[in-house]
Protein backbone atom coordinates (compact mmCIF):
# COMPACT_ATOMS: atom_id res chain seq x y z
CA MET A 1 29.15 11.26 -38.74
CA VAL A 2 30.91 14.52 -37.62
CA PHE A 3 29.93 18.09 -38.41
CA SER A 4 32.79 20.58 -38.05
CA LEU A 5 33.24 24.42 -37.80
CA CYS A 6 36.12 25.63 -39.79
CA ARG A 7 38.78 26.94 -37.61
CA ALA A 8 41.60 29.58 -38.00
CA PRO A 9 45.17 28.22 -38.11
CA ALA A 10 46.38 27.71 -34.42
CA ARG A 11 48.51 30.34 -33.25
CA VAL A 12 52.01 29.28 -31.91
CA LEU A 13 52.42 30.47 -28.40
CA LEU A 14 55.81 31.11 -26.88
CA VAL A 15 55.35 30.27 -23.12
CA SER A 16 57.71 32.13 -20.67
CA VAL A 17 58.19 29.82 -17.61
CA LEU A 18 57.89 31.90 -14.62
CA LEU A 19 60.03 31.00 -11.72
CA ALA A 20 59.12 32.34 -8.35
CA VAL A 21 61.38 31.52 -5.46
CA SER A 22 61.24 32.60 -1.83
CA ALA A 23 63.90 34.49 -0.04
CA CYS A 24 63.45 32.07 2.98
CA ASP A 25 63.93 28.35 3.05
CA PRO A 26 60.69 27.02 1.65
CA SER A 27 60.85 23.93 4.09
CA GLU A 28 60.93 26.27 7.10
CA GLY A 29 57.73 28.17 6.21
CA GLY A 30 57.70 31.93 6.86
CA ALA A 31 59.33 33.77 9.74
CA GLY A 32 57.94 33.55 13.23
CA GLY A 33 56.36 30.01 12.63
CA ASP A 34 54.08 31.41 9.89
CA PRO A 35 53.09 28.22 7.95
CA TRP A 36 53.00 29.93 4.59
CA THR A 37 55.71 29.71 2.02
CA THR A 38 55.57 33.19 0.32
CA LEU A 39 57.00 33.73 -3.19
CA ASP A 40 58.12 36.82 -4.79
CA GLY A 41 54.82 37.37 -6.77
CA TRP A 42 52.99 37.87 -3.50
CA THR A 43 54.02 41.49 -3.05
CA ALA A 44 53.06 42.57 -6.53
CA HIS A 45 50.00 40.52 -7.07
CA GLY A 46 48.51 39.53 -3.81
CA ASP A 47 45.49 41.51 -4.42
CA GLU A 48 44.74 39.16 -7.26
CA ALA A 49 44.93 36.16 -5.30
CA VAL A 50 42.46 33.34 -5.53
CA ARG A 51 42.53 30.72 -2.77
CA ILE A 52 42.51 27.15 -3.75
CA ALA A 53 42.67 23.80 -1.82
CA GLY A 54 43.40 20.30 -3.05
CA LEU A 55 45.70 17.36 -3.18
CA VAL A 56 48.98 17.33 -5.05
CA ASP A 57 49.18 15.01 -8.02
CA GLU A 58 51.93 14.29 -10.39
CA VAL A 59 50.63 13.77 -13.98
CA SER A 60 52.69 11.79 -16.51
CA VAL A 61 52.46 14.10 -19.38
CA GLU A 62 55.39 16.20 -21.21
CA GLY A 63 57.77 14.49 -18.93
CA GLY A 64 55.83 14.97 -15.71
CA ILE A 65 53.78 17.94 -14.25
CA TRP A 66 52.45 18.69 -10.84
CA VAL A 67 48.78 19.68 -10.42
CA ILE A 68 46.58 20.49 -7.48
CA ARG A 69 43.10 18.70 -7.61
CA SER A 70 40.19 19.75 -5.65
CA PRO A 71 37.66 17.41 -4.07
CA ASN A 72 35.22 18.09 -6.84
CA GLY A 73 37.72 17.22 -9.51
CA GLU A 74 38.77 20.83 -10.56
CA GLU A 75 42.57 20.95 -11.47
CA TRP A 76 45.04 23.85 -11.13
CA ALA A 77 48.55 23.40 -12.84
CA PRO A 78 51.05 25.48 -11.00
CA ILE A 79 53.72 27.18 -13.19
CA GLU A 80 56.20 26.32 -10.52
CA LEU A 81 55.18 24.22 -7.40
CA PRO A 82 57.97 24.80 -4.68
CA GLU A 83 59.96 21.63 -4.08
CA PRO A 84 58.78 20.94 -0.46
CA PHE A 85 55.17 20.66 -1.84
CA ARG A 86 55.85 18.12 -4.70
CA ILE A 87 54.52 15.08 -2.57
CA GLU A 88 52.01 12.83 -4.15
CA GLY A 89 48.68 13.06 -2.20
CA ALA A 90 49.74 16.01 0.09
CA GLY A 91 46.95 18.49 1.00
CA VAL A 92 47.72 21.94 0.23
CA VAL A 93 46.19 25.45 0.50
CA ALA A 94 47.43 28.08 -1.91
CA ASP A 95 46.85 31.60 -3.02
CA VAL A 96 47.29 31.71 -6.64
CA ARG A 97 47.11 34.00 -9.61
CA PRO A 98 45.29 32.60 -12.64
CA ARG A 99 47.39 33.04 -15.84
CA PRO A 100 45.00 32.68 -18.82
CA ASP A 101 47.69 34.57 -20.89
CA LEU A 102 49.96 31.65 -20.74
CA LEU A 103 49.67 28.17 -22.27
CA SER A 104 49.89 25.03 -20.06
CA ILE A 105 52.53 22.73 -21.56
CA GLY A 106 50.59 19.57 -20.19
CA MET A 107 47.06 21.10 -21.09
CA ARG A 108 45.96 20.09 -17.58
CA GLY A 109 43.74 22.28 -15.56
CA THR A 110 43.87 25.94 -14.94
CA LEU A 111 47.41 27.50 -15.28
CA VAL A 112 48.28 29.40 -12.00
CA GLU A 113 51.06 31.26 -10.57
CA VAL A 114 51.52 30.39 -6.91
CA LEU A 115 51.91 33.31 -4.67
CA ARG A 116 51.92 31.50 -1.35
CA ILE A 117 51.22 27.97 -0.13
CA ARG A 118 51.14 25.83 2.82
CA HIS A 119 50.29 22.27 3.71
CA GLY A 120 46.76 21.71 5.10
CA SER A 121 43.82 19.51 5.21
CA VAL A 122 41.30 19.41 2.38
CA PRO A 123 37.61 19.33 3.42
CA GLY A 124 35.49 16.54 1.76
CA VAL A 125 38.63 14.36 0.58
CA ASP A 126 38.91 11.92 3.52
CA ASP A 127 35.20 10.92 3.61
CA ALA A 128 34.41 11.14 -0.09
CA GLU A 129 33.90 7.76 -2.02
CA GLU A 130 35.50 7.59 -5.20
CA GLY A 131 33.56 8.81 -8.24
CA ALA A 132 30.96 10.29 -5.77
CA PRO A 133 30.07 13.98 -5.86
CA VAL A 134 31.61 15.93 -2.74
CA GLU A 135 29.08 17.39 -0.45
CA SER A 136 30.35 20.78 -0.10
CA ALA A 137 29.41 24.31 -0.99
CA ALA A 138 32.06 24.57 -3.58
CA ALA A 139 31.10 21.46 -5.41
CA ARG A 140 27.41 21.93 -5.34
CA THR A 141 26.78 25.68 -5.83
CA GLU A 142 29.26 27.57 -7.97
CA ALA A 143 30.56 26.53 -11.41
CA PRO A 144 34.11 25.16 -11.51
CA ALA A 145 36.63 27.71 -12.76
CA ARG A 146 37.28 25.53 -15.75
CA LEU A 147 33.82 25.78 -16.88
CA VAL A 148 33.09 29.68 -16.43
CA GLY A 149 33.18 31.58 -19.64
CA GLU A 150 31.73 31.42 -23.11
CA TRP A 151 32.00 28.08 -25.17
CA ARG A 152 31.22 27.64 -28.86
CA ILE A 153 29.90 24.54 -30.37
CA VAL A 154 32.39 23.51 -33.18
CA GLU A 155 31.50 19.66 -34.00
CA ALA A 156 28.48 17.29 -33.72
CA HIS A 157 29.10 13.62 -33.23
CA LEU A 158 26.10 11.20 -33.81
CA PRO A 159 26.72 7.89 -32.12
CA GLY A 160 22.90 7.72 -31.37
CA VAL A 161 19.91 7.98 -33.71
CA SER A 162 17.54 10.52 -32.11
CA THR A 163 19.00 13.50 -33.83
CA GLY A 164 19.15 13.85 -37.56
CA PRO A 165 22.10 15.56 -39.36
CA ALA A 166 20.34 18.75 -39.87
CA ASP A 167 19.08 19.01 -36.38
CA ALA A 168 22.77 18.36 -35.04
CA GLY A 169 24.43 20.62 -37.52
CA ARG A 170 22.19 23.58 -36.72
CA TRP A 171 23.86 24.02 -33.22
CA ILE A 172 27.35 24.37 -34.60
CA GLY A 173 28.62 28.04 -34.18
CA GLN A 174 26.19 28.82 -31.39
CA THR A 175 27.42 29.38 -27.91
CA VAL A 176 26.76 28.20 -24.28
CA GLN A 177 27.86 30.76 -21.47
CA TYR A 178 28.50 29.80 -17.83
CA GLY A 179 29.09 32.09 -14.85
CA SER A 180 29.45 31.23 -11.29
CA THR A 181 25.68 31.00 -10.63
CA PHE A 182 24.22 31.14 -14.03
CA ALA A 183 24.00 29.39 -17.29
CA TYR A 184 22.79 30.65 -20.87
CA GLY A 185 22.38 28.37 -23.80
CA PRO A 186 20.95 28.63 -27.33
CA ASN A 187 17.60 27.34 -26.19
CA GLY A 188 17.31 27.98 -22.56
CA GLU A 189 18.73 30.22 -19.64
CA CYS A 190 19.06 29.90 -15.90
CA GLY A 191 19.75 32.96 -13.74
CA ALA A 192 19.97 30.87 -10.53
CA ALA A 193 22.08 27.83 -11.41
CA VAL A 194 23.48 25.26 -8.97
CA PHE A 195 26.50 23.14 -10.35
CA ASP A 196 27.37 19.56 -9.40
CA ALA A 197 30.98 18.58 -10.45
CA ARG A 198 32.78 15.42 -10.03
CA ARG A 199 35.54 13.33 -11.86
CA VAL A 200 34.14 10.31 -13.56
CA GLU A 201 35.48 7.33 -15.55
CA LEU A 202 34.30 7.70 -19.15
CA ASP A 203 33.72 4.12 -20.04
CA GLY A 204 31.19 3.52 -17.20
CA LEU A 205 29.53 6.80 -17.55
CA LEU A 206 29.10 6.60 -21.49
CA SER A 207 28.24 2.98 -21.59
CA GLY A 208 25.77 3.17 -18.53
CA ALA A 209 24.00 6.45 -19.13
CA TYR A 210 24.03 6.75 -22.87
CA GLY A 211 24.66 3.25 -24.16
CA VAL A 212 27.53 4.66 -26.09
CA PRO A 213 31.05 3.13 -26.26
CA ARG A 214 33.73 5.56 -25.53
CA GLU A 215 35.63 4.55 -28.73
CA SER A 216 32.76 5.70 -30.86
CA LEU A 217 33.41 9.36 -29.76
CA PRO A 218 36.50 10.65 -31.22
CA PRO A 219 37.00 13.46 -28.88
CA VAL A 220 37.32 10.99 -26.04
CA ALA A 221 38.47 7.81 -27.74
CA GLU A 222 41.86 8.14 -25.92
CA ALA A 223 40.76 9.59 -22.69
CA ASP A 224 39.96 7.76 -19.47
CA GLU A 225 38.39 10.35 -17.21
CA ALA A 226 36.60 13.65 -17.39
CA ILE A 227 34.92 16.18 -15.04
CA LEU A 228 31.11 15.81 -15.17
CA VAL A 229 29.19 18.98 -14.59
CA GLU A 230 25.61 18.83 -13.97
CA VAL A 231 23.38 22.06 -13.88
CA GLN A 232 20.32 22.38 -11.74
CA CYS A 233 18.11 25.40 -11.86
CA ASP A 234 15.60 26.67 -9.37
CA GLY A 235 15.65 23.47 -7.43
CA GLY A 236 15.34 21.14 -10.41
CA ALA A 237 17.05 19.87 -13.41
CA TRP A 238 17.83 22.25 -16.13
CA THR A 239 16.75 20.84 -19.41
CA ALA A 240 18.43 23.19 -21.93
CA LEU A 241 21.36 22.34 -24.11
CA GLY A 242 24.36 22.57 -22.04
CA ALA A 243 22.88 21.14 -18.80
CA THR A 244 25.38 18.43 -18.78
CA VAL A 245 29.10 19.07 -19.76
CA LEU A 246 32.13 16.76 -19.82
CA LEU A 247 35.16 18.75 -19.07
CA LEU A 248 38.14 17.08 -20.85
CA ASP A 249 41.74 17.10 -19.79
CA ASP A 250 42.77 18.78 -23.28
CA GLY A 251 40.75 21.94 -22.56
CA THR A 252 37.77 21.08 -24.60
CA ALA A 253 34.37 19.80 -23.53
CA LEU A 254 31.39 17.66 -24.61
CA THR A 255 27.59 18.20 -24.03
CA PRO A 256 25.14 15.60 -24.95
CA TRP A 257 22.03 16.67 -26.54
CA ASP A 258 19.19 14.42 -27.97
CA GLY A 259 21.35 11.57 -29.04
CA ALA A 260 24.25 13.74 -30.21
CA PHE A 261 27.43 14.73 -28.49
CA LEU A 262 28.49 18.49 -29.15
CA THR A 263 32.13 19.42 -28.82
CA LEU A 264 32.61 22.75 -27.09
CA GLU A 265 35.60 24.91 -27.38
CA GLY A 266 36.36 28.07 -25.27
CA ALA A 267 35.27 31.24 -27.36
CA ARG A 268 38.28 33.56 -27.23
């Protein structure tokens, strides 16, 4: 059974692909042995830069796109990744400018404009076991960038039996809000939140933790992986709606609550 929130027709967005190229040879780095490859946008937007670090990965969607994936599973999708850095598994550090005004063609991660970039090691990658949370301040304190913001509950899926239709439906239209260090939901809030994020395989998580086959949940029926975010508050588990979130690669999210799985969409 599925309960839905009526939505307005989707807007058709025209995405302008921004190509930023460095005046110097990117393979040589900057002048004087500078390891950074600096692109044209740095001069105008360097004060807006956000530093990220992760491994380069090529994703086979829409003809292939390049993403940078952090140890805790967060993904960034560069509008244009310079050719010398298009190496599967390469560690990179980059200063980027988030571009929420544009639409990612592959719908993967946070769309960013690379301002400057260099090769570099990524803490937590080499010693992290597959599927395990990365023990780093970034992974276990502040919320992942993809989670931050206001989310609206638009659907309720009932593969379990704990929640009745009326109970599940009453959450539709309500919102959950996440900041770097806080979380506010329709039935609870936490002003000192700690976030634990990691990429997981959906089959194992849903069947093992919830006893639910992946195919029984339409939002993830065709998905293999998601980023699992768990919220702790004041040293213990946060028990409000929104305490556990599955960030899906299509930009939506799911939060389990009392036998139901509620679909979240970013509230714009």
